[in-house]
Amino acid sequence: MRKNILIVIQILLVSCLWASGRGETHEFLRVVTTTSIISDVVSNIGGDRIDLKGLISPGQDPHSYEPAPRDIAEVEDADIIFVNGFDLEEGLLSIVETVNPGNVVEVSRQVNPLVSEAEEQDHSEEHHHESGDPHTWMSPLNVISWVDVITEALSNAEPLHSSYFHQNAEIYKKELLQLHEGIINSLEGIPLEERVLVTDHNLFGHFAREYHFRVIGTLLPGYSSSSESSARDTVRLLNLLNEQGVEAVFISESAGEAVKKLAATLSRESDHTIIVKELLTGSLRKSGQEGDSYIRFMEYNTKQIVSGLRP
């Protein structure tokens, strides 16, 4: 895999040479973001003082995204590249760090990592940086820490607009706090013992920690939607659903057909009724649709979880 990435880099770097030598001047900071969620947060802070380009469009899965040549050109020419961190952007991060390593900023760098038991037992330096649940945006309080990181990076790159960035950041942080409080209020009707989640892959750890849920099982192992489940894993999960009396399974709206079929199989083969509810996970929806901003994304997911657990 790494060998293939290096080959792609060598080919794409040739097509990007024009970007380094074209000598254009830019009125605003050239900012590139990886996910649509990061794009939305950055736009709330940078406003009309930045030239923002998002690489991964709404509806695309960041785990499986692979950049086009023009995306690499955007990265090479950027003043700042905001990435999630925790190795979320599997098919992109190594290329970004090769093309423009000095301008990469991890928005999740101040978030306390969530690690599995297996990861806690692995203290090697090789895995220390990349370990942990990368889906940090599932907690609005984590995104408030994103705001601080983003504001600092924009202000350092463009000091003349620092007060503008900080003013926007304070307004947006208040909105995120209101979102957090709204989620708490929405979940009040669900007793703690019923706050149980089964998801397609391990992506709701930060949400669970923040709002006192337990993630008791996943359709796919690990933190990536590109992982695969064995028949033994499926039987084990079905037994768990039956033993716990789980009534809802939550899968990503962008999940592949194999995951959707697996969820349908679990629902069909269980000894009680299990509904399958779709959530927004790694991407916003397109503009004009419910979930087209980070705040509306979280409000939509909260509504889906409540309706799944309290039908």
Foldseek 3Di string as FASTA:
>chain_A
DVVVLVVVLVVLVVVQPCLVPVPDDDQAALEEEEALQLQQLLCLQCPPRHDYDYQAAFLDQQQPDAGDSVVLNSLLNGQAYEYAFLCRNVRPPVSSCVNPVVRYFHLQPVPDFDADPVVVVDPDPVCPRNGGQSQQLLQLVSVLSSLVRSLVSRCVSPVVCSVSSVVSSVVVNVVSVVLNVVLQVLCPVADLVLQEAEEQEPHCPNVCVSNNHHDPYHVFYDNGLPGDDDPVNLVVVLVVCQVSVAAEYEYEPSRDPVSVVSVVVSQVPHPDHHYYFYAHGRGAHPPPDQRNHSSSSSVVRSVRSCVRSPD
